[in-house]
């Protein structure tokens, strides 16, 4: 079974208020990462200096509880409703599709003048009316299904130089998937700020969910660990580096 998802950042851009006084919201969620898989929560090996610093400057939800699997957790966060009510109570066999009558935070924010972008893993339905672009998101860049290369995704897709859905069209990417998802998320933030529109950026990584792949330089940070642990920890440190990135993008 798939365990979920550590909520890393809620409203990290809350201080970046627009001229109209509406806060910008950046929401980052990881996949298959536990509460203890961060240095500031006591992990003895994993390196997460950027997130540790953010944690030291932030309000922390130390008693927040997720659902047993990832799709229910996602729908609960996006709708504010108990997961079973939304029709999402698992990740397979049609049990991960968010009912069409459910209202997401992106839809509510759109009604209040926001633009919203979703980047990475959705896993709440791949066909109309379940896709993120059907649920209030204006800009969408994602893989299909619950993981890169699964059946709803692009055939034979890969964590490196893969192909992903950009507003419904398949586009070829260059680089490691987490870096690419942050590329598009950061570009969305820059574009929204330039247009002086309040924004909601939902960056939802598939990492550090298996299969465990990451750039070799991140595995090399953990030479004394087994290969699987090197990749798992490396994927987390790669996320940390992306959290620390300046507002620039290599997206073409």
C-alpha atoms as a PDB file:
ATOM      1  CA  UNK A   1       0.000   0.000   0.000  1.00  0.00           C
ATOM      2  CA  UNK A   2       1.021   3.533  -0.606  1.00  0.00           C
ATOM      3  CA  UNK A   3       1.673   5.620   2.437  1.00  0.00           C
ATOM      4  CA  UNK A   4       1.587   9.335   2.061  1.00  0.00           C
ATOM      5  CA  UNK A   5       2.692  12.371   1.771  1.00  0.00           C
ATOM      6  CA  UNK A   6       4.226  14.876   4.056  1.00  0.00           C
ATOM      7  CA  UNK A   7       2.898  18.387   3.773  1.00  0.00           C
ATOM      8  CA  UNK A   8       6.030  20.489   3.517  1.00  0.00           C
ATOM      9  CA  UNK A   9       4.830  24.012   2.978  1.00  0.00           C
ATOM     10  CA  UNK A  10       1.511  25.718   3.406  1.00  0.00           C
ATOM     11  CA  UNK A  11       1.259  29.262   2.194  1.00  0.00           C
ATOM     12  CA  UNK A  12       4.988  29.918   2.164  1.00  0.00           C
ATOM     13  CA  UNK A  13       4.285  32.904  -0.026  1.00  0.00           C
ATOM     14  CA  UNK A  14       1.692  34.297   2.337  1.00  0.00           C
ATOM     15  CA  UNK A  15       3.738  37.432   2.989  1.00  0.00           C
ATOM     16  CA  UNK A  16       3.929  38.261  -0.711  1.00  0.00           C
ATOM     17  CA  UNK A  17       0.675  40.155  -0.693  1.00  0.00           C
ATOM     18  CA  UNK A  18      -0.535  41.761  -3.879  1.00  0.00           C
ATOM     19  CA  UNK A  19      -1.475  45.383  -4.265  1.00  0.00           C
ATOM     20  CA  UNK A  20      -5.072  44.449  -3.478  1.00  0.00           C
ATOM     21  CA  UNK A  21      -4.033  42.795  -0.229  1.00  0.00           C
ATOM     22  CA  UNK A  22      -4.680  39.204  -1.342  1.00  0.00           C
ATOM     23  CA  UNK A  23      -1.949  36.833  -0.199  1.00  0.00           C
ATOM     24  CA  UNK A  24      -0.182  34.621  -2.691  1.00  0.00           C
ATOM     25  CA  UNK A  25      -0.152  30.944  -1.744  1.00  0.00           C
ATOM     26  CA  UNK A  26       2.520  28.360  -2.495  1.00  0.00           C
ATOM     27  CA  UNK A  27       1.606  24.846  -1.393  1.00  0.00           C
ATOM     28  CA  UNK A  28       4.170  22.032  -1.686  1.00  0.00           C
ATOM     29  CA  UNK A  29       3.320  18.427  -0.885  1.00  0.00           C
ATOM     30  CA  UNK A  30       5.589  15.413  -1.264  1.00  0.00           C
ATOM     31  CA  UNK A  31       4.680  11.778  -1.796  1.00  0.00           C
ATOM     32  CA  UNK A  32       5.528   8.752   0.356  1.00  0.00           C
ATOM     33  CA  UNK A  33       7.544  10.852   2.809  1.00  0.00           C
ATOM     34  CA  UNK A  34       7.001  10.437   6.516  1.00  0.00           C
ATOM     35  CA  UNK A  35       6.973  12.956   9.330  1.00  0.00           C
ATOM     36  CA  UNK A  36      10.400  11.773  10.457  1.00  0.00           C
ATOM     37  CA  UNK A  37      12.042  12.015   7.035  1.00  0.00           C
ATOM     38  CA  UNK A  38      13.331  15.541   7.612  1.00  0.00           C
ATOM     39  CA  UNK A  39      16.352  16.664   9.600  1.00  0.00           C
ATOM     40  CA  UNK A  40      14.406  19.065  11.814  1.00  0.00           C
ATOM     41  CA  UNK A  41      12.121  16.223  12.846  1.00  0.00           C
ATOM     42  CA  UNK A  42      15.063  14.157  13.991  1.00  0.00           C
ATOM     43  CA  UNK A  43      16.200  12.145  10.979  1.00  0.00           C
ATOM     44  CA  UNK A  44      19.864  11.230  11.545  1.00  0.00           C
ATOM     45  CA  UNK A  45      20.947  11.154   7.884  1.00  0.00           C
ATOM     46  CA  UNK A  46      18.758  13.112   5.494  1.00  0.00           C
ATOM     47  CA  UNK A  47      19.976  16.591   4.562  1.00  0.00           C
ATOM     48  CA  UNK A  48      17.206  19.220   4.358  1.00  0.00           C
ATOM     49  CA  UNK A  49      18.758  22.589   5.312  1.00  0.00           C
ATOM     50  CA  UNK A  50      16.323  24.793   3.356  1.00  0.00           C
ATOM     51  CA  UNK A  51      13.214  23.135   4.768  1.00  0.00           C
ATOM     52  CA  UNK A  52      14.790  23.116   8.242  1.00  0.00           C
ATOM     53  CA  UNK A  53      15.324  26.866   7.999  1.00  0.00           C
ATOM     54  CA  UNK A  54      11.772  27.388   6.747  1.00  0.00           C
ATOM     55  CA  UNK A  55      10.471  25.293   9.631  1.00  0.00           C
ATOM     56  CA  UNK A  56      12.404  27.403  12.148  1.00  0.00           C
ATOM     57  CA  UNK A  57      10.712  30.550  10.805  1.00  0.00           C
ATOM     58  CA  UNK A  58       7.201  29.138  10.456  1.00  0.00           C
ATOM     59  CA  UNK A  59       4.146  27.879  12.272  1.00  0.00           C
ATOM     60  CA  UNK A  60       4.203  24.068  12.218  1.00  0.00           C
ATOM     61  CA  UNK A  61       1.241  21.661  12.192  1.00  0.00           C
ATOM     62  CA  UNK A  62       2.870  19.106  14.471  1.00  0.00           C
ATOM     63  CA  UNK A  63      -0.307  17.080  15.059  1.00  0.00           C
ATOM     64  CA  UNK A  64      -1.668  16.979  11.508  1.00  0.00           C
ATOM     65  CA  UNK A  65      -2.831  13.532  10.344  1.00  0.00           C
ATOM     66  CA  UNK A  66      -2.973  12.317   6.766  1.00  0.00           C
ATOM     67  CA  UNK A  67      -5.052   9.480   5.308  1.00  0.00           C
ATOM     68  CA  UNK A  68      -3.517   5.993   4.918  1.00  0.00           C
ATOM     69  CA  UNK A  69      -2.991   6.484   1.165  1.00  0.00           C
ATOM     70  CA  UNK A  70      -2.168   9.463  -0.985  1.00  0.00           C
ATOM     71  CA  UNK A  71      -5.272  10.242  -3.055  1.00  0.00           C
ATOM     72  CA  UNK A  72      -7.559  10.561  -0.004  1.00  0.00           C
ATOM     73  CA  UNK A  73      -5.058  12.886   1.623  1.00  0.00           C
ATOM     74  CA  UNK A  74      -4.920  15.044  -1.500  1.00  0.00           C
ATOM     75  CA  UNK A  75      -8.682  15.346  -1.851  1.00  0.00           C
ATOM     76  CA  UNK A  76      -9.039  16.216   1.823  1.00  0.00           C
ATOM     77  CA  UNK A  77      -6.493  19.005   1.519  1.00  0.00           C
ATOM     78  CA  UNK A  78      -7.995  20.375  -1.697  1.00  0.00           C
ATOM     79  CA  UNK A  79     -11.665  20.229  -0.681  1.00  0.00           C
ATOM     80  CA  UNK A  80     -11.653  20.458   3.117  1.00  0.00           C
ATOM     81  CA  UNK A  81     -14.035  17.490   3.239  1.00  0.00           C
ATOM     82  CA  UNK A  82     -13.725  14.085   4.844  1.00  0.00           C
ATOM     83  CA  UNK A  83     -12.172  11.860   2.203  1.00  0.00           C
ATOM     84  CA  UNK A  84     -14.884   9.185   1.978  1.00  0.00           C
ATOM     85  CA  UNK A  85     -17.497  11.861   1.330  1.00  0.00           C
ATOM     86  CA  UNK A  86     -15.622  12.943  -1.805  1.00  0.00           C
ATOM     87  CA  UNK A  87     -15.601   9.460  -3.353  1.00  0.00           C
ATOM     88  CA  UNK A  88     -11.861   9.127  -2.867  1.00  0.00           C
ATOM     89  CA  UNK A  89     -10.845   6.447  -0.419  1.00  0.00           C
ATOM     90  CA  UNK A  90      -8.028   4.618  -2.203  1.00  0.00           C
ATOM     91  CA  UNK A  91      -5.580   4.949  -5.097  1.00  0.00           C
ATOM     92  CA  UNK A  92      -6.774   2.210  -7.497  1.00  0.00           C
ATOM     93  CA  UNK A  93      -9.848   0.659  -9.135  1.00  0.00           C
ATOM     94  CA  UNK A  94     -11.590   3.981  -9.703  1.00  0.00           C
ATOM     95  CA  UNK A  95     -11.475   4.903  -6.023  1.00  0.00           C
ATOM     96  CA  UNK A  96      -9.168   7.888  -6.563  1.00  0.00           C
ATOM     97  CA  UNK A  97     -11.468  10.053  -8.698  1.00  0.00           C
ATOM     98  CA  UNK A  98     -12.739  13.202  -6.995  1.00  0.00           C
ATOM     99  CA  UNK A  99     -16.507  13.489  -7.443  1.00  0.00           C
ATOM    100  CA  UNK A 100     -17.564  16.148  -9.906  1.00  0.00           C
ATOM    101  CA  UNK A 101     -19.750  17.964  -7.386  1.00  0.00           C
ATOM    102  CA  UNK A 102     -16.858  18.583  -5.013  1.00  0.00           C
ATOM    103  CA  UNK A 103     -15.456  22.122  -4.923  1.00  0.00           C
ATOM    104  CA  UNK A 104     -11.695  22.592  -4.679  1.00  0.00           C
ATOM    105  CA  UNK A 105      -9.735  25.436  -3.165  1.00  0.00           C
ATOM    106  CA  UNK A 106      -8.617  26.360  -6.696  1.00  0.00           C
ATOM    107  CA  UNK A 107     -12.232  26.866  -7.767  1.00  0.00           C
ATOM    108  CA  UNK A 108     -12.982  28.992  -4.715  1.00  0.00           C
ATOM    109  CA  UNK A 109      -9.874  31.103  -5.239  1.00  0.00           C
ATOM    110  CA  UNK A 110     -10.761  31.618  -8.918  1.00  0.00           C
ATOM    111  CA  UNK A 111     -14.075  33.113  -7.819  1.00  0.00           C
ATOM    112  CA  UNK A 112     -12.042  35.577  -5.770  1.00  0.00           C
ATOM    113  CA  UNK A 113      -9.732  36.744  -8.537  1.00  0.00           C
ATOM    114  CA  UNK A 114      -6.880  34.248  -8.212  1.00  0.00           C
ATOM    115  CA  UNK A 115      -5.056  32.301 -10.876  1.00  0.00           C
ATOM    116  CA  UNK A 116      -4.103  28.750  -9.884  1.00  0.00           C
ATOM    117  CA  UNK A 117      -1.453  26.343 -11.133  1.00  0.00           C
ATOM    118  CA  UNK A 118      -0.948  22.641 -10.468  1.00  0.00           C
ATOM    119  CA  UNK A 119       2.446  20.981 -11.042  1.00  0.00           C
ATOM    120  CA  UNK A 120       3.472  17.343 -10.595  1.00  0.00           C
ATOM    121  CA  UNK A 121       1.262  14.585  -9.220  1.00  0.00           C
ATOM    122  CA  UNK A 122      -2.530  14.905  -9.274  1.00  0.00           C
ATOM    123  CA  UNK A 123      -3.893  11.362  -8.798  1.00  0.00           C
ATOM    124  CA  UNK A 124      -7.532  12.406  -8.491  1.00  0.00           C
ATOM    125  CA  UNK A 125      -8.645  11.461 -12.001  1.00  0.00           C
ATOM    126  CA  UNK A 126      -7.150  11.643 -15.487  1.00  0.00           C
ATOM    127  CA  UNK A 127     -10.255  12.213 -17.610  1.00  0.00           C
ATOM    128  CA  UNK A 128     -12.960  14.879 -17.732  1.00  0.00           C
ATOM    129  CA  UNK A 129     -14.416  15.996 -15.320  1.00  0.00           C
ATOM    130  CA  UNK A 130     -11.758  14.847 -12.875  1.00  0.00           C
ATOM    131  CA  UNK A 131      -8.605  16.498 -14.215  1.00  0.00           C
ATOM    132  CA  UNK A 132      -7.056  19.494 -12.431  1.00  0.00           C
ATOM    133  CA  UNK A 133      -7.957  21.746 -15.356  1.00  0.00           C
ATOM    134  CA  UNK A 134     -11.592  20.757 -14.710  1.00  0.00           C
ATOM    135  CA  UNK A 135     -11.287  21.589 -11.010  1.00  0.00           C
ATOM    136  CA  UNK A 136     -10.310  25.247 -11.030  1.00  0.00           C
ATOM    137  CA  UNK A 137      -6.662  25.178 -12.110  1.00  0.00           C
ATOM    138  CA  UNK A 138      -5.694  27.539 -14.939  1.00  0.00           C
ATOM    139  CA  UNK A 139      -2.188  26.176 -15.539  1.00  0.00           C
ATOM    140  CA  UNK A 140      -1.474  22.440 -15.278  1.00  0.00           C
ATOM    141  CA  UNK A 141       1.749  20.494 -15.763  1.00  0.00           C
ATOM    142  CA  UNK A 142       1.544  16.921 -14.509  1.00  0.00           C
ATOM    143  CA  UNK A 143       2.171  13.254 -15.053  1.00  0.00           C
ATOM    144  CA  UNK A 144      -0.712  10.807 -15.323  1.00  0.00           C
ATOM    145  CA  UNK A 145      -1.993   8.337 -12.753  1.00  0.00           C
ATOM    146  CA  UNK A 146      -0.353   7.847  -9.405  1.00  0.00           C
ATOM    147  CA  UNK A 147       3.201   7.725 -10.676  1.00  0.00           C
ATOM    148  CA  UNK A 148       5.422   8.378 -13.665  1.00  0.00           C
ATOM    149  CA  UNK A 149       5.034   5.526 -16.157  1.00  0.00           C
ATOM    150  CA  UNK A 150       1.783   4.106 -14.778  1.00  0.00           C
ATOM    151  CA  UNK A 151      -1.042   3.146 -17.149  1.00  0.00           C
ATOM    152  CA  UNK A 152      -2.736   6.600 -17.346  1.00  0.00           C
ATOM    153  CA  UNK A 153       0.651   8.212 -17.966  1.00  0.00           C
ATOM    154  CA  UNK A 154       2.708   8.474 -21.157  1.00  0.00           C
ATOM    155  CA  UNK A 155       3.858   5.020 -22.319  1.00  0.00           C
ATOM    156  CA  UNK A 156       7.365   4.118 -21.127  1.00  0.00           C
ATOM    157  CA  UNK A 157       7.705   7.429 -19.295  1.00  0.00           C
ATOM    158  CA  UNK A 158      10.768   8.107 -17.186  1.00  0.00           C
ATOM    159  CA  UNK A 159      11.924  10.202 -14.226  1.00  0.00           C
ATOM    160  CA  UNK A 160      14.613  11.683 -16.475  1.00  0.00           C
ATOM    161  CA  UNK A 161      13.818  13.499 -19.735  1.00  0.00           C
ATOM    162  CA  UNK A 162      10.209  12.327 -19.550  1.00  0.00           C
ATOM    163  CA  UNK A 163       7.053  13.567 -21.214  1.00  0.00           C
ATOM    164  CA  UNK A 164       4.274  15.209 -19.219  1.00  0.00           C
ATOM    165  CA  UNK A 165       0.851  16.783 -19.762  1.00  0.00           C
ATOM    166  CA  UNK A 166       0.935  20.561 -20.113  1.00  0.00           C
ATOM    167  CA  UNK A 167      -2.619  21.871 -20.204  1.00  0.00           C
ATOM    168  CA  UNK A 168      -3.735  18.619 -21.784  1.00  0.00           C
ATOM    169  CA  UNK A 169      -0.956  18.310 -24.391  1.00  0.00           C
ATOM    170  CA  UNK A 170       2.013  15.979 -24.074  1.00  0.00           C
ATOM    171  CA  UNK A 171       5.319  17.851 -24.037  1.00  0.00           C
ATOM    172  CA  UNK A 172       8.853  16.505 -23.760  1.00  0.00           C
ATOM    173  CA  UNK A 173      10.858  17.596 -20.723  1.00  0.00           C
ATOM    174  CA  UNK A 174      14.572  17.830 -20.089  1.00  0.00           C
ATOM    175  CA  UNK A 175      15.968  16.827 -16.722  1.00  0.00           C
ATOM    176  CA  UNK A 176      14.850  15.115 -13.517  1.00  0.00           C
ATOM    177  CA  UNK A 177      11.095  15.147 -12.938  1.00  0.00           C
ATOM    178  CA  UNK A 178      11.115  17.023  -9.601  1.00  0.00           C
ATOM    179  CA  UNK A 179      13.324  19.741 -11.057  1.00  0.00           C
ATOM    180  CA  UNK A 180      11.010  20.046 -14.053  1.00  0.00           C
ATOM    181  CA  UNK A 181       7.871  20.319 -11.914  1.00  0.00           C
ATOM    182  CA  UNK A 182       9.503  23.081  -9.892  1.00  0.00           C
ATOM    183  CA  UNK A 183      10.654  24.746 -13.132  1.00  0.00           C
ATOM    184  CA  UNK A 184       7.069  25.109 -14.263  1.00  0.00           C
ATOM    185  CA  UNK A 185       5.818  26.046 -10.805  1.00  0.00           C
ATOM    186  CA  UNK A 186       8.425  28.787 -10.416  1.00  0.00           C
ATOM    187  CA  UNK A 187       7.697  30.107 -13.902  1.00  0.00           C
ATOM    188  CA  UNK A 188       4.003  30.231 -13.042  1.00  0.00           C
ATOM    189  CA  UNK A 189       4.812  32.223  -9.905  1.00  0.00           C
ATOM    190  CA  UNK A 190       6.974  34.654 -11.893  1.00  0.00           C
ATOM    191  CA  UNK A 191       4.353  35.099 -14.606  1.00  0.00           C
ATOM    192  CA  UNK A 192       1.550  35.642 -12.087  1.00  0.00           C
ATOM    193  CA  UNK A 193       3.596  38.168 -10.139  1.00  0.00           C
ATOM    194  CA  UNK A 194       4.485  40.034 -13.340  1.00  0.00           C
ATOM    195  CA  UNK A 195       0.784  40.169 -14.248  1.00  0.00           C
ATOM    196  CA  UNK A 196       0.028  41.379 -10.704  1.00  0.00           C
ATOM    197  CA  UNK A 197      -2.490  38.593 -10.199  1.00  0.00           C
ATOM    198  CA  UNK A 198      -2.817  36.847  -6.840  1.00  0.00           C
ATOM    199  CA  UNK A 199      -1.865  33.192  -7.289  1.00  0.00           C
ATOM    200  CA  UNK A 200      -2.163  29.725  -5.827  1.00  0.00           C
ATOM    201  CA  UNK A 201       0.746  27.453  -6.817  1.00  0.00           C
ATOM    202  CA  UNK A 202       0.176  23.780  -5.937  1.00  0.00           C
ATOM    203  CA  UNK A 203       3.479  21.911  -6.405  1.00  0.00           C
ATOM    204  CA  UNK A 204       2.890  18.236  -5.765  1.00  0.00           C
ATOM    205  CA  UNK A 205       5.957  16.058  -6.271  1.00  0.00           C
ATOM    206  CA  UNK A 206       5.840  12.348  -7.025  1.00  0.00           C
ATOM    207  CA  UNK A 207       9.116  12.075  -5.090  1.00  0.00           C
ATOM    208  CA  UNK A 208      10.239  10.422  -2.940  1.00  0.00           C
ATOM    209  CA  UNK A 209       7.712   7.753  -3.963  1.00  0.00           C
ATOM    210  CA  UNK A 210       9.141   4.650  -5.624  1.00  0.00           C
ATOM    211  CA  UNK A 211      10.549   3.625  -7.970  1.00  0.00           C
ATOM    212  CA  UNK A 212      13.535   5.205  -6.322  1.00  0.00           C
ATOM    213  CA  UNK A 213      15.488   7.233  -8.875  1.00  0.00           C
ATOM    214  CA  UNK A 214      17.336  10.515  -8.536  1.00  0.00           C
ATOM    215  CA  UNK A 215      20.392  12.265  -9.998  1.00  0.00           C
ATOM    216  CA  UNK A 216      23.617  10.522  -9.021  1.00  0.00           C
ATOM    217  CA  UNK A 217      25.005  13.580  -7.252  1.00  0.00           C
ATOM    218  CA  UNK A 218      22.237  13.267  -4.664  1.00  0.00           C
ATOM    219  CA  UNK A 219      22.862   9.569  -4.133  1.00  0.00           C
ATOM    220  CA  UNK A 220      26.527  10.384  -3.614  1.00  0.00           C
ATOM    221  CA  UNK A 221      25.575  12.467  -0.564  1.00  0.00           C
ATOM    222  CA  UNK A 222      24.774   9.206   1.275  1.00  0.00           C
ATOM    223  CA  UNK A 223      27.647   6.833   0.371  1.00  0.00           C
ATOM    224  CA  UNK A 224      27.349   4.643   3.461  1.00  0.00           C
ATOM    225  CA  UNK A 225      23.676   3.801   2.915  1.00  0.00           C
ATOM    226  CA  UNK A 226      22.135   1.010   0.803  1.00  0.00           C
ATOM    227  CA  UNK A 227      21.318   2.016  -2.784  1.00  0.00           C
ATOM    228  CA  UNK A 228      17.581   2.276  -2.103  1.00  0.00           C
ATOM    229  CA  UNK A 229      18.199   4.545   0.885  1.00  0.00           C
ATOM    230  CA  UNK A 230      20.657   6.640  -1.118  1.00  0.00           C
ATOM    231  CA  UNK A 231      17.967   7.268  -3.726  1.00  0.00           C
ATOM    232  CA  UNK A 232      15.198   7.895  -1.185  1.00  0.00           C
ATOM    233  CA  UNK A 233      17.253  10.373   0.832  1.00  0.00           C
ATOM    234  CA  UNK A 234      18.632  11.874  -2.368  1.00  0.00           C
ATOM    235  CA  UNK A 235      15.132  12.541  -3.693  1.00  0.00           C
ATOM    236  CA  UNK A 236      14.289  14.375  -0.462  1.00  0.00           C
ATOM    237  CA  UNK A 237      17.453  16.478  -0.600  1.00  0.00           C
ATOM    238  CA  UNK A 238      16.670  17.290  -4.237  1.00  0.00           C
ATOM    239  CA  UNK A 239      13.249  18.577  -3.132  1.00  0.00           C
ATOM    240  CA  UNK A 240      15.005  20.628  -0.466  1.00  0.00           C
ATOM    241  CA  UNK A 241      17.277  22.188  -3.083  1.00  0.00           C
ATOM    242  CA  UNK A 242      14.239  23.068  -5.183  1.00  0.00           C
ATOM    243  CA  UNK A 243      12.550  24.726  -2.207  1.00  0.00           C
ATOM    244  CA  UNK A 244      15.664  26.883  -1.879  1.00  0.00           C
ATOM    245  CA  UNK A 245      15.820  27.842  -5.557  1.00  0.00           C
ATOM    246  CA  UNK A 246      15.534  31.491  -6.607  1.00  0.00           C
ATOM    247  CA  UNK A 247      12.596  32.494  -8.775  1.00  0.00           C
ATOM    248  CA  UNK A 248      14.059  31.458 -12.099  1.00  0.00           C
ATOM    249  CA  UNK A 249      13.204  28.666 -14.501  1.00  0.00           C
ATOM    250  CA  UNK A 250      14.962  26.653 -17.183  1.00  0.00           C
ATOM    251  CA  UNK A 251      11.623  25.957 -18.890  1.00  0.00           C
ATOM    252  CA  UNK A 252      11.703  26.796 -22.569  1.00  0.00           C
END
